[in-house]
Amino acid sequence: MPELPVTADPVPATPIGDLHEWQLHIQCGRCWRHVVLPLSSLAESLGGQTRVAEVIRRLHCSGFRGRERCRGTPKRVALVKVAPYGKSMQKVREIMVVDRLRHS
C-alpha cells in the first residue's frame, strides 16, 4: 500500500503504520487526564494495518479515580503531526478527530 502523501490529511481509514510522524493527543472525559501516544509505537504493538478509527474506538483511560481505574472514554482526540525542533518536537498540523466538549 502506498504511503500517505505529505500534503494529505489522514482519515479514519488510514492505517497507523503510514503515520510515522503523527501522535494522538487524548483527553479523558471522566478524569480529564491528558495523554500523548506516538502512532509509531502503537503501530509496533497493534500492527501497522490497524486503522485510526479502530485505535480511537479501543481507547479507555488507564488513570485512577480514587482507588479504582478510571476507564473513561475520550472527550477530545486530536491527530498531531510533529517534527523535530532542536531537542524538542514542534506541532506542524493538528486535526481534531473527536471533540465532545463543544456545545451545540
PDB file of N, CA and C in Angstrom:
ATOM      1  N   MET A   1       0.850  -1.177   0.000  1.00  0.00           N
ATOM      2  CA  MET A   1       0.000   0.000   0.000  1.00  0.00           C
ATOM      3  C   MET A   1       0.893   1.236   0.000  1.00  0.00           C
ATOM      4  N   PRO A   2       0.604   2.216  -0.856  1.00  0.00           N
ATOM      5  CA  PRO A   2       1.447   3.419  -0.896  1.00  0.00           C
ATOM      6  C   PRO A   2       1.280   4.248   0.367  1.00  0.00           C
ATOM      7  N   GLU A   3       2.357   4.962   0.728  1.00  0.00           N
ATOM      8  CA  GLU A   3       2.297   5.822   1.911  1.00  0.00           C
ATOM      9  C   GLU A   3       1.441   7.038   1.641  1.00  0.00           C
ATOM     10  N   LEU A   4       0.984   7.666   2.705  1.00  0.00           N
ATOM     11  CA  LEU A   4       0.173   8.864   2.637  1.00  0.00           C
ATOM     12  C   LEU A   4       0.987  10.008   2.046  1.00  0.00           C
ATOM     13  N   PRO A   5       0.485  10.722   1.032  1.00  0.00           N
ATOM     14  CA  PRO A   5       1.222  11.877   0.512  1.00  0.00           C
ATOM     15  C   PRO A   5       1.449  12.915   1.604  1.00  0.00           C
ATOM     16  N   VAL A   6       2.519  13.677   1.479  1.00  0.00           N
ATOM     17  CA  VAL A   6       2.907  14.646   2.509  1.00  0.00           C
ATOM     18  C   VAL A   6       1.814  15.661   2.772  1.00  0.00           C
ATOM     19  N   THR A   7       1.101  16.092   1.744  1.00  0.00           N
ATOM     20  CA  THR A   7       0.093  17.137   1.909  1.00  0.00           C
ATOM     21  C   THR A   7      -1.279  16.599   2.276  1.00  0.00           C
ATOM     22  N   ALA A   8      -1.474  15.284   2.258  1.00  0.00           N
ATOM     23  CA  ALA A   8      -2.787  14.699   2.533  1.00  0.00           C
ATOM     24  C   ALA A   8      -3.032  14.582   4.029  1.00  0.00           C
ATOM     25  N   ASP A   9      -4.262  14.869   4.420  1.00  0.00           N
ATOM     26  CA  ASP A   9      -4.659  14.679   5.813  1.00  0.00           C
ATOM     27  C   ASP A   9      -5.068  13.226   6.017  1.00  0.00           C
ATOM     28  N   PRO A  10      -4.721  12.644   7.169  1.00  0.00           N
ATOM     29  CA  PRO A  10      -5.175  11.281   7.443  1.00  0.00           C
ATOM     30  C   PRO A  10      -6.688  11.261   7.648  1.00  0.00           C
ATOM     31  N   VAL A  11      -7.295  10.136   7.322  1.00  0.00           N
ATOM     32  CA  VAL A  11      -8.732   9.931   7.513  1.00  0.00           C
ATOM     33  C   VAL A  11      -8.904   8.749   8.461  1.00  0.00           C
ATOM     34  N   PRO A  12     -10.101   8.507   8.975  1.00  0.00           N
ATOM     35  CA  PRO A  12     -10.287   7.393   9.909  1.00  0.00           C
ATOM     36  C   PRO A  12      -9.862   6.032   9.364  1.00  0.00           C
ATOM     37  N   ALA A  13      -9.866   5.850   8.053  1.00  0.00           N
ATOM     38  CA  ALA A  13      -9.485   4.561   7.467  1.00  0.00           C
ATOM     39  C   ALA A  13      -7.989   4.458   7.198  1.00  0.00           C
ATOM     40  N   THR A  14      -7.213   5.478   7.526  1.00  0.00           N
ATOM     41  CA  THR A  14      -5.774   5.457   7.284  1.00  0.00           C
ATOM     42  C   THR A  14      -5.105   4.478   8.242  1.00  0.00           C
ATOM     43  N   PRO A  15      -4.254   3.578   7.738  1.00  0.00           N
ATOM     44  CA  PRO A  15      -3.504   2.677   8.623  1.00  0.00           C
ATOM     45  C   PRO A  15      -2.496   3.469   9.456  1.00  0.00           C
ATOM     46  N   ILE A  16      -2.371   3.138  10.733  1.00  0.00           N
ATOM     47  CA  ILE A  16      -1.467   3.901  11.600  1.00  0.00           C
ATOM     48  C   ILE A  16      -0.012   3.690  11.238  1.00  0.00           C
ATOM     49  N   GLY A  17       0.291   2.634  10.508  1.00  0.00           N
ATOM     50  CA  GLY A  17       1.652   2.406  10.052  1.00  0.00           C
ATOM     51  C   GLY A  17       2.121   3.452   9.048  1.00  0.00           C
ATOM     52  N   ASP A  18       1.180   4.165   8.410  1.00  0.00           N
ATOM     53  CA  ASP A  18       1.506   5.219   7.455  1.00  0.00           C
ATOM     54  C   ASP A  18       1.718   6.569   8.136  1.00  0.00           C
ATOM     55  N   LEU A  19       1.520   6.643   9.441  1.00  0.00           N
ATOM     56  CA  LEU A  19       1.541   7.926  10.160  1.00  0.00           C
ATOM     57  C   LEU A  19       2.704   7.988  11.144  1.00  0.00           C
ATOM     58  N   HIS A  20       3.922   7.839  10.637  1.00  0.00           N
ATOM     59  CA  HIS A  20       5.115   7.778  11.489  1.00  0.00           C
ATOM     60  C   HIS A  20       5.343   9.049  12.295  1.00  0.00           C
ATOM     61  N   GLU A  21       5.033  10.199  11.745  1.00  0.00           N
ATOM     62  CA  GLU A  21       5.320  11.477  12.406  1.00  0.00           C
ATOM     63  C   GLU A  21       4.114  12.026  13.166  1.00  0.00           C
ATOM     64  N   TRP A  22       3.109  11.231  13.367  1.00  0.00           N
ATOM     65  CA  TRP A  22       1.875  11.697  13.999  1.00  0.00           C
ATOM     66  C   TRP A  22       1.741  11.136  15.416  1.00  0.00           C
ATOM     67  N   GLN A  23       1.010  11.872  16.238  1.00  0.00           N
ATOM     68  CA  GLN A  23       0.700  11.466  17.612  1.00  0.00           C
ATOM     69  C   GLN A  23      -0.794  11.627  17.848  1.00  0.00           C
ATOM     70  N   LEU A  24      -1.314  10.864  18.799  1.00  0.00           N
ATOM     71  CA  LEU A  24      -2.681  11.078  19.286  1.00  0.00           C
ATOM     72  C   LEU A  24      -2.590  11.862  20.584  1.00  0.00           C
ATOM     73  N   HIS A  25      -3.275  12.981  20.669  1.00  0.00           N
ATOM     74  CA  HIS A  25      -3.386  13.742  21.905  1.00  0.00           C
ATOM     75  C   HIS A  25      -4.800  13.490  22.421  1.00  0.00           C
ATOM     76  N   ILE A  26      -4.887  12.859  23.591  1.00  0.00           N
ATOM     77  CA  ILE A  26      -6.158  12.358  24.106  1.00  0.00           C
ATOM     78  C   ILE A  26      -6.454  12.991  25.456  1.00  0.00           C
ATOM     79  N   GLN A  27      -7.713  13.408  25.648  1.00  0.00           N
ATOM     80  CA  GLN A  27      -8.147  13.912  26.951  1.00  0.00           C
ATOM     81  C   GLN A  27      -9.341  13.091  27.411  1.00  0.00           C
ATOM     82  N   CYS A  28      -9.215  12.512  28.594  1.00  0.00           N
ATOM     83  CA  CYS A  28     -10.279  11.683  29.161  1.00  0.00           C
ATOM     84  C   CYS A  28     -11.479  12.559  29.522  1.00  0.00           C
ATOM     85  N   GLY A  29     -12.658  12.055  29.243  1.00  0.00           N
ATOM     86  CA  GLY A  29     -13.876  12.781  29.559  1.00  0.00           C
ATOM     87  C   GLY A  29     -14.336  12.596  30.994  1.00  0.00           C
ATOM     88  N   ARG A  30     -13.710  11.704  31.713  1.00  0.00           N
ATOM     89  CA  ARG A  30     -14.126  11.417  33.081  1.00  0.00           C
ATOM     90  C   ARG A  30     -13.194  12.057  34.113  1.00  0.00           C
ATOM     91  N   CYS A  31     -11.872  11.871  33.923  1.00  0.00           N
ATOM     92  CA  CYS A  31     -10.916  12.405  34.917  1.00  0.00           C
ATOM     93  C   CYS A  31     -10.059  13.534  34.340  1.00  0.00           C
ATOM     94  N   TRP A  32     -10.247  13.875  33.077  1.00  0.00           N
ATOM     95  CA  TRP A  32      -9.555  14.963  32.374  1.00  0.00           C
ATOM     96  C   TRP A  32      -8.056  14.723  32.204  1.00  0.00           C
ATOM     97  N   ARG A  33      -7.601  13.491  32.368  1.00  0.00           N
ATOM     98  CA  ARG A  33      -6.193  13.155  32.154  1.00  0.00           C
ATOM     99  C   ARG A  33      -5.840  13.381  30.687  1.00  0.00           C
ATOM    100  N   HIS A  34      -4.649  13.923  30.430  1.00  0.00           N
ATOM    101  CA  HIS A  34      -4.174  14.167  29.068  1.00  0.00           C
ATOM    102  C   HIS A  34      -3.009  13.234  28.770  1.00  0.00           C
ATOM    103  N   VAL A  35      -3.083  12.538  27.630  1.00  0.00           N
ATOM    104  CA  VAL A  35      -2.064  11.556  27.241  1.00  0.00           C
ATOM    105  C   VAL A  35      -1.672  11.805  25.789  1.00  0.00           C
ATOM    106  N   VAL A  36      -0.384  11.642  25.497  1.00  0.00           N
ATOM    107  CA  VAL A  36       0.126  11.731  24.131  1.00  0.00           C
ATOM    108  C   VAL A  36       0.663  10.352  23.746  1.00  0.00           C
ATOM    109  N   LEU A  37       0.144   9.789  22.655  1.00  0.00           N
ATOM    110  CA  LEU A  37       0.576   8.480  22.182  1.00  0.00           C
ATOM    111  C   LEU A  37       1.154   8.607  20.775  1.00  0.00           C
ATOM    112  N   PRO A  38       2.447   8.319  20.589  1.00  0.00           N
ATOM    113  CA  PRO A  38       3.008   8.315  19.232  1.00  0.00           C
ATOM    114  C   PRO A  38       2.432   7.145  18.435  1.00  0.00           C
ATOM    115  N   LEU A  39       1.952   7.419  17.232  1.00  0.00           N
ATOM    116  CA  LEU A  39       1.361   6.356  16.425  1.00  0.00           C
ATOM    117  C   LEU A  39       2.393   5.338  15.969  1.00  0.00           C
ATOM    118  N   SER A  40       3.661   5.726  15.902  1.00  0.00           N
ATOM    119  CA  SER A  40       4.691   4.756  15.525  1.00  0.00           C
ATOM    120  C   SER A  40       4.807   3.646  16.566  1.00  0.00           C
ATOM    121  N   SER A  41       4.703   3.983  17.853  1.00  0.00           N
ATOM    122  CA  SER A  41       4.777   2.947  18.886  1.00  0.00           C
ATOM    123  C   SER A  41       3.491   2.127  18.937  1.00  0.00           C
ATOM    124  N   LEU A  42       2.352   2.745  18.651  1.00  0.00           N
ATOM    125  CA  LEU A  42       1.100   1.979  18.585  1.00  0.00           C
ATOM    126  C   LEU A  42       1.126   1.006  17.418  1.00  0.00           C
ATOM    127  N   ALA A  43       1.740   1.416  16.302  1.00  0.00           N
ATOM    128  CA  ALA A  43       1.838   0.527  15.139  1.00  0.00           C
ATOM    129  C   ALA A  43       2.673  -0.707  15.465  1.00  0.00           C
ATOM    130  N   GLU A  44       3.697  -0.531  16.298  1.00  0.00           N
ATOM    131  CA  GLU A  44       4.515  -1.679  16.698  1.00  0.00           C
ATOM    132  C   GLU A  44       3.723  -2.671  17.541  1.00  0.00           C
ATOM    133  N   SER A  45       2.887  -2.157  18.442  1.00  0.00           N
ATOM    134  CA  SER A  45       2.154  -3.054  19.333  1.00  0.00           C
ATOM    135  C   SER A  45       0.841  -3.566  18.731  1.00  0.00           C
ATOM    136  N   LEU A  46       0.140  -2.746  17.949  1.00  0.00           N
ATOM    137  CA  LEU A  46      -1.156  -3.154  17.394  1.00  0.00           C
ATOM    138  C   LEU A  46      -1.072  -3.648  15.958  1.00  0.00           C
ATOM    139  N   GLY A  47       0.018  -3.340  15.287  1.00  0.00           N
ATOM    140  CA  GLY A  47       0.160  -3.682  13.872  1.00  0.00           C
ATOM    141  C   GLY A  47      -0.057  -2.454  13.011  1.00  0.00           C
ATOM    142  N   GLY A  48       0.754  -2.316  11.996  1.00  0.00           N
ATOM    143  CA  GLY A  48       0.714  -1.133  11.142  1.00  0.00           C
ATOM    144  C   GLY A  48      -0.534  -1.008  10.303  1.00  0.00           C
ATOM    145  N   GLN A  49      -1.289  -2.092  10.107  1.00  0.00           N
ATOM    146  CA  GLN A  49      -2.501  -2.040   9.290  1.00  0.00           C
ATOM    147  C   GLN A  49      -3.745  -1.646  10.090  1.00  0.00           C
ATOM    148  N   THR A  50      -3.596  -1.487  11.413  1.00  0.00           N
ATOM    149  CA  THR A  50      -4.726  -1.053  12.247  1.00  0.00           C
ATOM    150  C   THR A  50      -5.114   0.360  11.844  1.00  0.00           C
ATOM    151  N   ARG A  51      -6.375   0.588  11.661  1.00  0.00           N
ATOM    152  CA  ARG A  51      -6.882   1.887  11.202  1.00  0.00           C
ATOM    153  C   ARG A  51      -7.015   2.867  12.362  1.00  0.00           C
ATOM    154  N   VAL A  52      -6.931   4.147  12.050  1.00  0.00           N
ATOM    155  CA  VAL A  52      -7.047   5.207  13.057  1.00  0.00           C
ATOM    156  C   VAL A  52      -8.364   5.077  13.811  1.00  0.00           C
ATOM    157  N   ALA A  53      -9.456   4.849  13.098  1.00  0.00           N
ATOM    158  CA  ALA A  53     -10.773   4.729  13.734  1.00  0.00           C
ATOM    159  C   ALA A  53     -10.819   3.587  14.743  1.00  0.00           C
ATOM    160  N   GLU A  54     -10.180   2.456  14.426  1.00  0.00           N
ATOM    161  CA  GLU A  54     -10.166   1.313  15.334  1.00  0.00           C
ATOM    162  C   GLU A  54      -9.388   1.642  16.604  1.00  0.00           C
ATOM    163  N   VAL A  55      -8.272   2.337  16.468  1.00  0.00           N
ATOM    164  CA  VAL A  55      -7.487   2.740  17.640  1.00  0.00           C
ATOM    165  C   VAL A  55      -8.329   3.627  18.547  1.00  0.00           C
ATOM    166  N   ILE A  56      -9.006   4.601  17.975  1.00  0.00           N
ATOM    167  CA  ILE A  56      -9.814   5.532  18.778  1.00  0.00           C
ATOM    168  C   ILE A  56     -10.973   4.809  19.443  1.00  0.00           C
ATOM    169  N   ARG A  57     -11.582   3.850  18.735  1.00  0.00           N
ATOM    170  CA  ARG A  57     -12.695   3.071  19.322  1.00  0.00           C
ATOM    171  C   ARG A  57     -12.251   2.267  20.539  1.00  0.00           C
ATOM    172  N   ARG A  58     -10.991   1.827  20.571  1.00  0.00           N
ATOM    173  CA  ARG A  58     -10.468   1.000  21.670  1.00  0.00           C
ATOM    174  C   ARG A  58     -10.030   1.809  22.895  1.00  0.00           C
ATOM    175  N   LEU A  59      -9.936   3.115  22.786  1.00  0.00           N
ATOM    176  CA  LEU A  59      -9.352   3.926  23.858  1.00  0.00           C
ATOM    177  C   LEU A  59     -10.204   3.944  25.126  1.00  0.00           C
ATOM    178  N   HIS A  60      -9.556   3.672  26.249  1.00  0.00           N
ATOM    179  CA  HIS A  60     -10.134   3.814  27.584  1.00  0.00           C
ATOM    180  C   HIS A  60      -9.035   4.310  28.497  1.00  0.00           C
ATOM    181  N   CYS A  61      -9.357   5.188  29.410  1.00  0.00           N
ATOM    182  CA  CYS A  61      -8.369   5.783  30.308  1.00  0.00           C
ATOM    183  C   CYS A  61      -7.793   4.742  31.265  1.00  0.00           C
ATOM    184  N   SER A  62      -6.488   4.798  31.450  1.00  0.00           N
ATOM    185  CA  SER A  62      -5.839   3.893  32.397  1.00  0.00           C
ATOM    186  C   SER A  62      -5.436   4.607  33.683  1.00  0.00           C
ATOM    187  N   GLY A  63      -5.906   5.852  33.848  1.00  0.00           N
ATOM    188  CA  GLY A  63      -5.628   6.595  35.076  1.00  0.00           C
ATOM    189  C   GLY A  63      -6.482   6.086  36.227  1.00  0.00           C
ATOM    190  N   PHE A  64      -6.301   6.699  37.379  1.00  0.00           N
ATOM    191  CA  PHE A  64      -7.052   6.287  38.568  1.00  0.00           C
ATOM    192  C   PHE A  64      -8.005   7.382  39.014  1.00  0.00           C
ATOM    193  N   ARG A  65      -9.156   6.959  39.521  1.00  0.00           N
ATOM    194  CA  ARG A  65     -10.117   7.828  40.213  1.00  0.00           C
ATOM    195  C   ARG A  65     -10.278   7.220  41.591  1.00  0.00           C
ATOM    196  N   GLY A  66      -9.601   7.828  42.545  1.00  0.00           N
ATOM    197  CA  GLY A  66      -9.567   7.219  43.875  1.00  0.00           C
ATOM    198  C   GLY A  66      -8.716   5.979  43.832  1.00  0.00           C
ATOM    199  N   ARG A  67      -9.272   4.845  44.248  1.00  0.00           N
ATOM    200  CA  ARG A  67      -8.523   3.582  44.248  1.00  0.00           C
ATOM    201  C   ARG A  67      -8.792   2.724  43.018  1.00  0.00           C
ATOM    202  N   GLU A  68      -9.729   3.127  42.184  1.00  0.00           N
ATOM    203  CA  GLU A  68     -10.108   2.317  41.030  1.00  0.00           C
ATOM    204  C   GLU A  68      -9.646   2.965  39.734  1.00  0.00           C
ATOM    205  N   ARG A  69      -9.497   2.146  38.705  1.00  0.00           N
ATOM    206  CA  ARG A  69      -9.161   2.644  37.377  1.00  0.00           C
ATOM    207  C   ARG A  69     -10.299   3.501  36.849  1.00  0.00           C
ATOM    208  N   CYS A  70      -9.974   4.541  36.134  1.00  0.00           N
ATOM    209  CA  CYS A  70     -10.969   5.458  35.580  1.00  0.00           C
ATOM    210  C   CYS A  70     -11.806   4.779  34.491  1.00  0.00           C
ATOM    211  N   ARG A  71     -11.143   4.211  33.469  1.00  0.00           N
ATOM    212  CA  ARG A  71     -11.770   3.528  32.333  1.00  0.00           C
ATOM    213  C   ARG A  71     -12.712   4.421  31.523  1.00  0.00           C
ATOM    214  N   GLY A  72     -12.565   5.752  31.647  1.00  0.00           N
ATOM    215  CA  GLY A  72     -13.394   6.678  30.890  1.00  0.00           C
ATOM    216  C   GLY A  72     -13.050   6.659  29.402  1.00  0.00           C
ATOM    217  N   THR A  73     -13.952   7.175  28.613  1.00  0.00           N
ATOM    218  CA  THR A  73     -13.711   7.302  27.177  1.00  0.00           C
ATOM    219  C   THR A  73     -13.249   8.717  26.869  1.00  0.00           C
ATOM    220  N   PRO A  74     -12.547   8.905  25.757  1.00  0.00           N
ATOM    221  CA  PRO A  74     -12.020  10.230  25.449  1.00  0.00           C
ATOM    222  C   PRO A  74     -13.108  11.228  25.082  1.00  0.00           C
ATOM    223  N   LYS A  75     -12.945  12.427  25.559  1.00  0.00           N
ATOM    224  CA  LYS A  75     -13.818  13.527  25.174  1.00  0.00           C
ATOM    225  C   LYS A  75     -13.183  14.346  24.061  1.00  0.00           C
ATOM    226  N   ARG A  76     -11.875  14.257  23.954  1.00  0.00           N
ATOM    227  CA  ARG A  76     -11.170  15.003  22.920  1.00  0.00           C
ATOM    228  C   ARG A  76      -9.996  14.162  22.428  1.00  0.00           C
ATOM    229  N   VAL A  77      -9.916  13.979  21.107  1.00  0.00           N
ATOM    230  CA  VAL A  77      -8.805  13.275  20.482  1.00  0.00           C
ATOM    231  C   VAL A  77      -8.363  14.096  19.277  1.00  0.00           C
ATOM    232  N   ALA A  78      -7.077  14.394  19.226  1.00  0.00           N
ATOM    233  CA  ALA A  78      -6.522  15.131  18.092  1.00  0.00           C
ATOM    234  C   ALA A  78      -5.361  14.343  17.504  1.00  0.00           C
ATOM    235  N   LEU A  79      -5.280  14.319  16.192  1.00  0.00           N
ATOM    236  CA  LEU A  79      -4.123  13.793  15.482  1.00  0.00           C
ATOM    237  C   LEU A  79      -3.178  14.969  15.279  1.00  0.00           C
ATOM    238  N   VAL A  80      -1.955  14.845  15.758  1.00  0.00           N
ATOM    239  CA  VAL A  80      -0.994  15.938  15.690  1.00  0.00           C
ATOM    240  C   VAL A  80       0.253  15.459  14.966  1.00  0.00           C
ATOM    241  N   LYS A  81       0.610  16.166  13.887  1.00  0.00           N
ATOM    242  CA  LYS A  81       1.853  15.859  13.181  1.00  0.00           C
ATOM    243  C   LYS A  81       2.960  16.668  13.833  1.00  0.00           C
ATOM    244  N   VAL A  82       4.057  16.014  14.178  1.00  0.00           N
ATOM    245  CA  VAL A  82       5.162  16.681  14.848  1.00  0.00           C
ATOM    246  C   VAL A  82       6.437  16.534  14.021  1.00  0.00           C
ATOM    247  N   ALA A  83       7.337  17.485  14.242  1.00  0.00           N
ATOM    248  CA  ALA A  83       8.639  17.456  13.580  1.00  0.00           C
ATOM    249  C   ALA A  83       9.691  17.806  14.619  1.00  0.00           C
ATOM    250  N   PRO A  84      10.883  17.216  14.513  1.00  0.00           N
ATOM    251  CA  PRO A  84      11.946  17.560  15.459  1.00  0.00           C
ATOM    252  C   PRO A  84      12.311  19.033  15.335  1.00  0.00           C
ATOM    253  N   TYR A  85      12.499  19.665  16.484  1.00  0.00           N
ATOM    254  CA  TYR A  85      12.881  21.074  16.528  1.00  0.00           C
ATOM    255  C   TYR A  85      13.922  21.210  17.635  1.00  0.00           C
ATOM    256  N   GLY A  86      15.187  21.063  17.269  1.00  0.00           N
ATOM    257  CA  GLY A  86      16.243  21.037  18.278  1.00  0.00           C
ATOM    258  C   GLY A  86      16.113  19.768  19.094  1.00  0.00           C
ATOM    259  N   LYS A  87      16.017  19.924  20.410  1.00  0.00           N
ATOM    260  CA  LYS A  87      15.868  18.765  21.300  1.00  0.00           C
ATOM    261  C   LYS A  87      14.410  18.475  21.635  1.00  0.00           C
ATOM    262  N   SER A  88      13.498  19.216  21.039  1.00  0.00           N
ATOM    263  CA  SER A  88      12.084  19.019  21.336  1.00  0.00           C
ATOM    264  C   SER A  88      11.320  18.733  20.045  1.00  0.00           C
ATOM    265  N   MET A  89      10.025  18.701  20.139  1.00  0.00           N
ATOM    266  CA  MET A  89       9.165  18.466  18.984  1.00  0.00           C
ATOM    267  C   MET A  89       8.265  19.683  18.788  1.00  0.00           C
ATOM    268  N   GLN A  90       7.972  19.994  17.536  1.00  0.00           N
ATOM    269  CA  GLN A  90       7.120  21.121  17.208  1.00  0.00           C
ATOM    270  C   GLN A  90       5.875  20.603  16.493  1.00  0.00           C
ATOM    271  N   LYS A  91       4.700  21.139  16.845  1.00  0.00           N
ATOM    272  CA  LYS A  91       3.466  20.775  16.147  1.00  0.00           C
ATOM    273  C   LYS A  91       3.503  21.389  14.755  1.00  0.00           C
ATOM    274  N   VAL A  92       3.231  20.550  13.761  1.00  0.00           N
ATOM    275  CA  VAL A  92       3.187  21.026  12.387  1.00  0.00           C
ATOM    276  C   VAL A  92       1.740  21.168  11.935  1.00  0.00           C
ATOM    277  N   ARG A  93       0.909  20.159  12.248  1.00  0.00           N
ATOM    278  CA  ARG A  93      -0.508  20.169  11.914  1.00  0.00           C
ATOM    279  C   ARG A  93      -1.285  19.495  13.024  1.00  0.00           C
ATOM    280  N   GLU A  94      -2.528  19.912  13.168  1.00  0.00           N
ATOM    281  CA  GLU A  94      -3.401  19.290  14.172  1.00  0.00           C
ATOM    282  C   GLU A  94      -4.782  19.116  13.572  1.00  0.00           C
ATOM    283  N   ILE A  95      -5.316  17.903  13.706  1.00  0.00           N
ATOM    284  CA  ILE A  95      -6.645  17.582  13.200  1.00  0.00           C
ATOM    285  C   ILE A  95      -7.471  17.054  14.360  1.00  0.00           C
ATOM    286  N   MET A  96      -8.559  17.742  14.682  1.00  0.00           N
ATOM    287  CA  MET A  96      -9.432  17.296  15.759  1.00  0.00           C
ATOM    288  C   MET A  96     -10.293  16.147  15.240  1.00  0.00           C
ATOM    289  N   VAL A  97     -10.183  14.982  15.882  1.00  0.00           N
ATOM    290  CA  VAL A  97     -10.916  13.793  15.453  1.00  0.00           C
ATOM    291  C   VAL A  97     -12.186  13.636  16.273  1.00  0.00           C
ATOM    292  N   VAL A  98     -12.085  13.802  17.580  1.00  0.00           N
ATOM    293  CA  VAL A  98     -13.229  13.717  18.487  1.00  0.00           C
ATOM    294  C   VAL A  98     -13.212  14.960  19.349  1.00  0.00           C
ATOM    295  N   ASP A  99     -14.332  15.658  19.395  1.00  0.00           N
ATOM    296  CA  ASP A  99     -14.430  16.836  20.262  1.00  0.00           C
ATOM    297  C   ASP A  99     -15.841  16.893  20.840  1.00  0.00           C
ATOM    298  N   ARG A 100     -16.012  16.244  21.972  1.00  0.00           N
ATOM    299  CA  ARG A 100     -17.322  16.200  22.633  1.00  0.00           C
ATOM    300  C   ARG A 100     -17.474  17.331  23.648  1.00  0.00           C
ATOM    301  N   LEU A 101     -16.528  18.268  23.663  1.00  0.00           N
ATOM    302  CA  LEU A 101     -16.596  19.383  24.597  1.00  0.00           C
ATOM    303  C   LEU A 101     -17.381  20.550  24.030  1.00  0.00           C
ATOM    304  N   ARG A 102     -17.532  20.594  22.725  1.00  0.00           N
ATOM    305  CA  ARG A 102     -18.282  21.689  22.091  1.00  0.00           C
ATOM    306  C   ARG A 102     -19.760  21.534  22.374  1.00  0.00           C
ATOM    307  N   HIS A 103     -20.411  22.644  22.640  1.00  0.00           N
ATOM    308  CA  HIS A 103     -21.854  22.627  22.898  1.00  0.00           C
ATOM    309  C   HIS A 103     -22.557  23.018  21.621  1.00  0.00           C
ATOM    310  N   SER A 104     -23.601  22.288  21.268  1.00  0.00           N
ATOM    311  CA  SER A 104     -24.357  22.585  20.027  1.00  0.00           C
ATOM    312  C   SER A 104     -25.387  23.647  20.285  1.00  0.00           C
TER     313      SER A 104
END
